[in-house]
Amino acid sequence: MPAALLSREEVVGRLLGVFRQQGYDGASLAALSEATGLGRSSLYHYFPGGKDDMVNAVLDAVEAWLKDVGLAPLREPGTPEERLRAMLRTLDGFYEGGRLACALGALSLGSAKERLQPRLRQIMGLWMTELARVLEEAGLKPAMARERAEDALVEVQGALVLSSGMGDAAPFKRAMKRLPETLLRDAAPPPRRAQKPG
């Protein structure tokens, strides 16, 4: 699609691809321009604050996706395990089975780390809070639920880094498969439904 016809949302999606692969420092204006098909002046028209505006738009998009899509399965009906598995299937799609890097991980490194850290903390905190809530519903005590939620992010992010570095999505796939059991270990079993007489 010609760049002039791209919506701002589509431009941000293309910027996301660059930042998740190259981080803040590696995402040169030339690379961002090439990915979007927009010249520098057009990029500045969309994002007057330059690269910081671009990366903040990307973080806005990631946070919105996480709230509205990525974590939505955790708020659906079903057992904690069913909801966790549904969330992980959504994440698996977002990361294309471990073939795509995570923008949050890529942006947590480099020269902009300190400027971006409040936003990164907010987004990661949202993710951990939603996970911990479901784990508490499964019967884990709040402190353990929070610790397991942190462990889940470590597992997901670590598996993405390893898969990317090795050029092999198998570590990510293994992590996604075992994560529900790991998170719910020692959780209280769900209450049994009373059988109707009959």
C-alpha atoms as a PDB file:
ATOM      1  CA  MET A   1       0.000   0.000   0.000  1.00  0.00           C
ATOM      2  CA  PRO A   2       1.426   3.448  -0.881  1.00  0.00           C
ATOM      3  CA  ALA A   3       2.693   5.252   2.214  1.00  0.00           C
ATOM      4  CA  ALA A   4       0.381   8.218   1.559  1.00  0.00           C
ATOM      5  CA  LEU A   5      -2.618   5.889   2.018  1.00  0.00           C
ATOM      6  CA  LEU A   6      -1.441   4.365   5.290  1.00  0.00           C
ATOM      7  CA  SER A   7      -3.398   5.174   8.422  1.00  0.00           C
ATOM      8  CA  ARG A   8      -1.507   6.303  11.495  1.00  0.00           C
ATOM      9  CA  GLU A   9      -2.275   2.886  13.024  1.00  0.00           C
ATOM     10  CA  GLU A  10      -0.624   1.146  10.067  1.00  0.00           C
ATOM     11  CA  VAL A  11       2.402   3.433  10.300  1.00  0.00           C
ATOM     12  CA  VAL A  12       2.737   2.631  14.005  1.00  0.00           C
ATOM     13  CA  GLY A  13       2.474  -1.089  13.219  1.00  0.00           C
ATOM     14  CA  ARG A  14       5.401  -0.785  10.810  1.00  0.00           C
ATOM     15  CA  LEU A  15       7.397   1.205  13.352  1.00  0.00           C
ATOM     16  CA  LEU A  16       6.722  -1.542  15.893  1.00  0.00           C
ATOM     17  CA  GLY A  17       8.361  -4.025  13.553  1.00  0.00           C
ATOM     18  CA  VAL A  18      11.532  -1.940  13.457  1.00  0.00           C
ATOM     19  CA  PHE A  19      11.715  -1.246  17.198  1.00  0.00           C
ATOM     20  CA  ARG A  20      11.053  -4.866  18.155  1.00  0.00           C
ATOM     21  CA  GLN A  21      13.886  -6.021  15.889  1.00  0.00           C
ATOM     22  CA  GLN A  22      16.423  -3.239  16.381  1.00  0.00           C
ATOM     23  CA  GLY A  23      15.611  -1.608  19.714  1.00  0.00           C
ATOM     24  CA  TYR A  24      15.728   2.137  20.190  1.00  0.00           C
ATOM     25  CA  ASP A  25      19.360   2.717  19.259  1.00  0.00           C
ATOM     26  CA  GLY A  26      19.331   0.500  16.188  1.00  0.00           C
ATOM     27  CA  ALA A  27      16.126   2.018  14.812  1.00  0.00           C
ATOM     28  CA  SER A  28      17.682   4.725  12.665  1.00  0.00           C
ATOM     29  CA  LEU A  29      15.503   7.284  10.915  1.00  0.00           C
ATOM     30  CA  ALA A  30      16.577   5.691   7.636  1.00  0.00           C
ATOM     31  CA  ALA A  31      15.298   2.271   8.817  1.00  0.00           C
ATOM     32  CA  LEU A  32      12.062   3.782  10.144  1.00  0.00           C
ATOM     33  CA  SER A  33      11.555   5.692   6.901  1.00  0.00           C
ATOM     34  CA  GLU A  34      12.172   2.584   4.805  1.00  0.00           C
ATOM     35  CA  ALA A  35       9.797   0.453   6.895  1.00  0.00           C
ATOM     36  CA  THR A  36       6.963   2.965   6.651  1.00  0.00           C
ATOM     37  CA  GLY A  37       7.638   4.197   3.125  1.00  0.00           C
ATOM     38  CA  LEU A  38       7.544   7.736   4.500  1.00  0.00           C
ATOM     39  CA  GLY A  39      10.232  10.331   4.005  1.00  0.00           C
ATOM     40  CA  ARG A  40      11.705  12.013   7.046  1.00  0.00           C
ATOM     41  CA  SER A  41       9.517  15.097   6.689  1.00  0.00           C
ATOM     42  CA  SER A  42       6.406  12.901   6.510  1.00  0.00           C
ATOM     43  CA  LEU A  43       7.522  10.951   9.571  1.00  0.00           C
ATOM     44  CA  TYR A  44       7.921  14.238  11.440  1.00  0.00           C
ATOM     45  CA  HIS A  45       4.454  15.249  10.270  1.00  0.00           C
ATOM     46  CA  TYR A  46       3.036  12.131  11.983  1.00  0.00           C
ATOM     47  CA  PHE A  47       5.470  12.360  14.908  1.00  0.00           C
ATOM     48  CA  PRO A  48       6.653  15.965  15.528  1.00  0.00           C
ATOM     49  CA  GLY A  49       8.805  14.856  18.469  1.00  0.00           C
ATOM     50  CA  GLY A  50      10.858  12.561  16.260  1.00  0.00           C
ATOM     51  CA  LYS A  51      11.973   9.122  17.357  1.00  0.00           C
ATOM     52  CA  ASP A  52      10.763   9.574  20.954  1.00  0.00           C
ATOM     53  CA  ASP A  53       7.261  10.326  19.664  1.00  0.00           C
ATOM     54  CA  MET A  54       7.481   7.247  17.461  1.00  0.00           C
ATOM     55  CA  VAL A  55       8.559   4.939  20.258  1.00  0.00           C
ATOM     56  CA  ASN A  56       5.873   6.315  22.566  1.00  0.00           C
ATOM     57  CA  ALA A  57       3.261   5.683  19.874  1.00  0.00           C
ATOM     58  CA  VAL A  58       4.568   2.122  19.604  1.00  0.00           C
ATOM     59  CA  LEU A  59       4.349   1.656  23.381  1.00  0.00           C
ATOM     60  CA  ASP A  60       0.805   3.068  23.326  1.00  0.00           C
ATOM     61  CA  ALA A  61      -0.096   0.496  20.673  1.00  0.00           C
ATOM     62  CA  VAL A  62       1.529  -2.364  22.588  1.00  0.00           C
ATOM     63  CA  GLU A  63      -0.259  -1.368  25.790  1.00  0.00           C
ATOM     64  CA  ALA A  64      -3.607  -1.077  24.001  1.00  0.00           C
ATOM     65  CA  TRP A  65      -3.112  -4.485  22.351  1.00  0.00           C
ATOM     66  CA  LEU A  66      -2.173  -6.061  25.665  1.00  0.00           C
ATOM     67  CA  LYS A  67      -5.249  -4.595  27.423  1.00  0.00           C
ATOM     68  CA  ASP A  68      -7.764  -5.230  24.654  1.00  0.00           C
ATOM     69  CA  VAL A  69      -6.477  -8.455  23.089  1.00  0.00           C
ATOM     70  CA  GLY A  70      -3.503 -10.076  24.804  1.00  0.00           C
ATOM     71  CA  LEU A  71      -4.923 -10.132  28.329  1.00  0.00           C
ATOM     72  CA  ALA A  72      -8.602 -10.263  27.360  1.00  0.00           C
ATOM     73  CA  PRO A  73      -8.758 -14.078  27.728  1.00  0.00           C
ATOM     74  CA  LEU A  74      -7.896 -13.698  31.421  1.00  0.00           C
ATOM     75  CA  ARG A  75     -11.160 -11.804  31.897  1.00  0.00           C
ATOM     76  CA  GLU A  76     -13.303 -14.344  30.041  1.00  0.00           C
ATOM     77  CA  PRO A  77     -15.363 -17.096  31.689  1.00  0.00           C
ATOM     78  CA  GLY A  78     -13.629 -20.389  32.414  1.00  0.00           C
ATOM     79  CA  THR A  79     -11.255 -21.951  34.874  1.00  0.00           C
ATOM     80  CA  PRO A  80      -7.947 -20.205  35.613  1.00  0.00           C
ATOM     81  CA  GLU A  81      -6.131 -22.853  33.581  1.00  0.00           C
ATOM     82  CA  GLU A  82      -8.437 -22.403  30.589  1.00  0.00           C
ATOM     83  CA  ARG A  83      -7.983 -18.628  30.703  1.00  0.00           C
ATOM     84  CA  LEU A  84      -4.197 -18.891  31.039  1.00  0.00           C
ATOM     85  CA  ARG A  85      -3.997 -21.252  28.072  1.00  0.00           C
ATOM     86  CA  ALA A  86      -6.181 -18.918  26.005  1.00  0.00           C
ATOM     87  CA  MET A  87      -3.938 -15.952  26.881  1.00  0.00           C
ATOM     88  CA  LEU A  88      -0.841 -17.929  25.915  1.00  0.00           C
ATOM     89  CA  ARG A  89      -2.403 -18.871  22.563  1.00  0.00           C
ATOM     90  CA  THR A  90      -2.989 -15.152  21.936  1.00  0.00           C
ATOM     91  CA  LEU A  91       0.630 -14.345  22.845  1.00  0.00           C
ATOM     92  CA  ASP A  92       1.825 -17.180  20.642  1.00  0.00           C
ATOM     93  CA  GLY A  93       0.042 -15.559  17.708  1.00  0.00           C
ATOM     94  CA  PHE A  94       1.421 -12.106  18.530  1.00  0.00           C
ATOM     95  CA  TYR A  95       4.988 -13.433  18.609  1.00  0.00           C
ATOM     96  CA  GLU A  96       4.367 -15.731  15.619  1.00  0.00           C
ATOM     97  CA  GLY A  97       5.254 -18.830  17.581  1.00  0.00           C
ATOM     98  CA  GLY A  98       8.479 -17.339  18.924  1.00  0.00           C
ATOM     99  CA  ARG A  99       9.764 -16.006  15.600  1.00  0.00           C
ATOM    100  CA  LEU A 100       9.231 -12.338  16.503  1.00  0.00           C
ATOM    101  CA  ALA A 101      11.057 -10.422  19.218  1.00  0.00           C
ATOM    102  CA  CYS A 102       9.284  -8.544  21.984  1.00  0.00           C
ATOM    103  CA  ALA A 103       9.301  -4.751  21.685  1.00  0.00           C
ATOM    104  CA  LEU A 104       9.277  -4.406  25.481  1.00  0.00           C
ATOM    105  CA  GLY A 105      12.445  -6.461  25.761  1.00  0.00           C
ATOM    106  CA  ALA A 106      14.148  -4.668  22.882  1.00  0.00           C
ATOM    107  CA  LEU A 107      13.289  -1.235  24.283  1.00  0.00           C
ATOM    108  CA  SER A 108      14.461  -2.091  27.792  1.00  0.00           C
ATOM    109  CA  LEU A 109      18.068  -1.890  26.528  1.00  0.00           C
ATOM    110  CA  GLY A 110      20.097   0.944  25.074  1.00  0.00           C
ATOM    111  CA  SER A 111      20.456   4.673  25.550  1.00  0.00           C
ATOM    112  CA  ALA A 112      16.715   5.390  25.965  1.00  0.00           C
ATOM    113  CA  LYS A 113      16.219   2.784  28.697  1.00  0.00           C
ATOM    114  CA  GLU A 114      15.907   5.285  31.545  1.00  0.00           C
ATOM    115  CA  ARG A 115      13.490   7.535  29.620  1.00  0.00           C
ATOM    116  CA  LEU A 116      11.338   4.589  28.615  1.00  0.00           C
ATOM    117  CA  GLN A 117      11.483   2.715  31.909  1.00  0.00           C
ATOM    118  CA  PRO A 118       8.338   4.284  33.452  1.00  0.00           C
ATOM    119  CA  ARG A 119       6.265   3.211  30.433  1.00  0.00           C
ATOM    120  CA  LEU A 120       7.868  -0.237  30.321  1.00  0.00           C
ATOM    121  CA  ARG A 121       7.237  -0.693  34.048  1.00  0.00           C
ATOM    122  CA  GLN A 122       3.611   0.357  33.580  1.00  0.00           C
ATOM    123  CA  ILE A 123       2.986  -2.091  30.734  1.00  0.00           C
ATOM    124  CA  MET A 124       4.804  -4.994  32.367  1.00  0.00           C
ATOM    125  CA  GLY A 125       3.041  -4.175  35.640  1.00  0.00           C
ATOM    126  CA  LEU A 126      -0.338  -4.376  33.925  1.00  0.00           C
ATOM    127  CA  TRP A 127       0.583  -7.804  32.552  1.00  0.00           C
ATOM    128  CA  MET A 128       1.751  -9.087  35.948  1.00  0.00           C
ATOM    129  CA  THR A 129      -1.270  -7.677  37.787  1.00  0.00           C
ATOM    130  CA  GLU A 130      -3.742  -9.419  35.465  1.00  0.00           C
ATOM    131  CA  LEU A 131      -1.836 -12.702  35.712  1.00  0.00           C
ATOM    132  CA  ALA A 132      -1.556 -12.496  39.499  1.00  0.00           C
ATOM    133  CA  ARG A 133      -5.302 -11.869  39.803  1.00  0.00           C
ATOM    134  CA  VAL A 134      -6.086 -15.104  37.939  1.00  0.00           C
ATOM    135  CA  LEU A 135      -3.522 -17.023  39.972  1.00  0.00           C
ATOM    136  CA  GLU A 136      -5.127 -15.762  43.181  1.00  0.00           C
ATOM    137  CA  GLU A 137      -8.477 -16.952  41.866  1.00  0.00           C
ATOM    138  CA  ALA A 138      -6.826 -20.349  41.382  1.00  0.00           C
ATOM    139  CA  GLY A 139      -6.016 -20.424  45.101  1.00  0.00           C
ATOM    140  CA  LEU A 140      -2.482 -19.045  45.350  1.00  0.00           C
ATOM    141  CA  LYS A 141      -1.716 -16.568  48.120  1.00  0.00           C
ATOM    142  CA  PRO A 142      -1.196 -12.980  46.865  1.00  0.00           C
ATOM    143  CA  ALA A 143       2.581 -12.921  47.381  1.00  0.00           C
ATOM    144  CA  MET A 144       3.028 -16.241  45.585  1.00  0.00           C
ATOM    145  CA  ALA A 145       0.639 -15.200  42.811  1.00  0.00           C
ATOM    146  CA  ARG A 146       2.681 -12.036  42.219  1.00  0.00           C
ATOM    147  CA  GLU A 147       5.949 -13.980  42.220  1.00  0.00           C
ATOM    148  CA  ARG A 148       4.594 -16.516  39.736  1.00  0.00           C
ATOM    149  CA  ALA A 149       3.318 -13.693  37.512  1.00  0.00           C
ATOM    150  CA  GLU A 150       6.830 -12.203  37.486  1.00  0.00           C
ATOM    151  CA  ASP A 151       8.235 -15.654  36.725  1.00  0.00           C
ATOM    152  CA  ALA A 152       5.846 -15.924  33.776  1.00  0.00           C
ATOM    153  CA  LEU A 153       7.235 -12.750  32.218  1.00  0.00           C
ATOM    154  CA  VAL A 154      10.778 -13.993  32.825  1.00  0.00           C
ATOM    155  CA  GLU A 155       9.890 -17.256  31.094  1.00  0.00           C
ATOM    156  CA  VAL A 156       8.204 -15.620  28.109  1.00  0.00           C
ATOM    157  CA  GLN A 157      10.852 -12.940  27.607  1.00  0.00           C
ATOM    158  CA  GLY A 158      13.744 -15.334  28.170  1.00  0.00           C
ATOM    159  CA  ALA A 159      12.302 -17.862  25.736  1.00  0.00           C
ATOM    160  CA  LEU A 160      11.876 -15.140  23.102  1.00  0.00           C
ATOM    161  CA  VAL A 161      15.498 -14.013  23.517  1.00  0.00           C
ATOM    162  CA  LEU A 162      16.787 -17.586  23.326  1.00  0.00           C
ATOM    163  CA  SER A 163      14.613 -18.439  20.326  1.00  0.00           C
ATOM    164  CA  SER A 164      15.753 -15.291  18.534  1.00  0.00           C
ATOM    165  CA  GLY A 165      19.418 -15.854  19.335  1.00  0.00           C
ATOM    166  CA  MET A 166      19.342 -19.479  18.229  1.00  0.00           C
ATOM    167  CA  GLY A 167      17.092 -18.933  15.235  1.00  0.00           C
ATOM    168  CA  ASP A 168      14.876 -21.697  16.578  1.00  0.00           C
ATOM    169  CA  ALA A 169      11.375 -21.193  18.000  1.00  0.00           C
ATOM    170  CA  ALA A 170      11.444 -24.481  19.956  1.00  0.00           C
ATOM    171  CA  PRO A 171      12.427 -22.889  23.329  1.00  0.00           C
ATOM    172  CA  PHE A 172       9.483 -20.493  23.093  1.00  0.00           C
ATOM    173  CA  LYS A 173       7.073 -23.285  22.167  1.00  0.00           C
ATOM    174  CA  ARG A 174       8.258 -25.395  25.134  1.00  0.00           C
ATOM    175  CA  ALA A 175       7.873 -22.444  27.487  1.00  0.00           C
ATOM    176  CA  MET A 176       4.319 -21.755  26.299  1.00  0.00           C
ATOM    177  CA  LYS A 177       3.385 -25.411  26.698  1.00  0.00           C
ATOM    178  CA  ARG A 178       4.649 -25.832  30.257  1.00  0.00           C
ATOM    179  CA  LEU A 179       3.775 -22.393  31.631  1.00  0.00           C
ATOM    180  CA  PRO A 180       0.170 -23.078  32.769  1.00  0.00           C
ATOM    181  CA  GLU A 181       1.261 -26.098  34.811  1.00  0.00           C
ATOM    182  CA  THR A 182       4.208 -24.167  36.280  1.00  0.00           C
ATOM    183  CA  LEU A 183       2.054 -21.176  37.214  1.00  0.00           C
ATOM    184  CA  LEU A 184      -0.706 -23.259  38.779  1.00  0.00           C
ATOM    185  CA  ARG A 185       1.568 -25.656  40.702  1.00  0.00           C
ATOM    186  CA  ASP A 186       0.266 -26.032  44.289  1.00  0.00           C
ATOM    187  CA  ALA A 187      -2.867 -24.023  43.497  1.00  0.00           C
ATOM    188  CA  ALA A 188      -6.054 -25.156  45.192  1.00  0.00           C
ATOM    189  CA  PRO A 189      -8.122 -27.373  42.888  1.00  0.00           C
ATOM    190  CA  PRO A 190     -11.355 -25.770  41.656  1.00  0.00           C
ATOM    191  CA  PRO A 191     -14.398 -26.608  43.779  1.00  0.00           C
ATOM    192  CA  ARG A 192     -16.426 -29.542  42.533  1.00  0.00           C
ATOM    193  CA  ARG A 193     -19.889 -28.829  41.300  1.00  0.00           C
ATOM    194  CA  ALA A 194     -22.607 -30.577  43.183  1.00  0.00           C
ATOM    195  CA  GLN A 195     -24.163 -33.401  41.214  1.00  0.00           C
ATOM    196  CA  LYS A 196     -27.853 -32.996  40.548  1.00  0.00           C
ATOM    197  CA  PRO A 197     -29.877 -35.847  42.023  1.00  0.00           C
ATOM    198  CA  GLY A 198     -31.262 -37.970  39.462  1.00  0.00           C
END
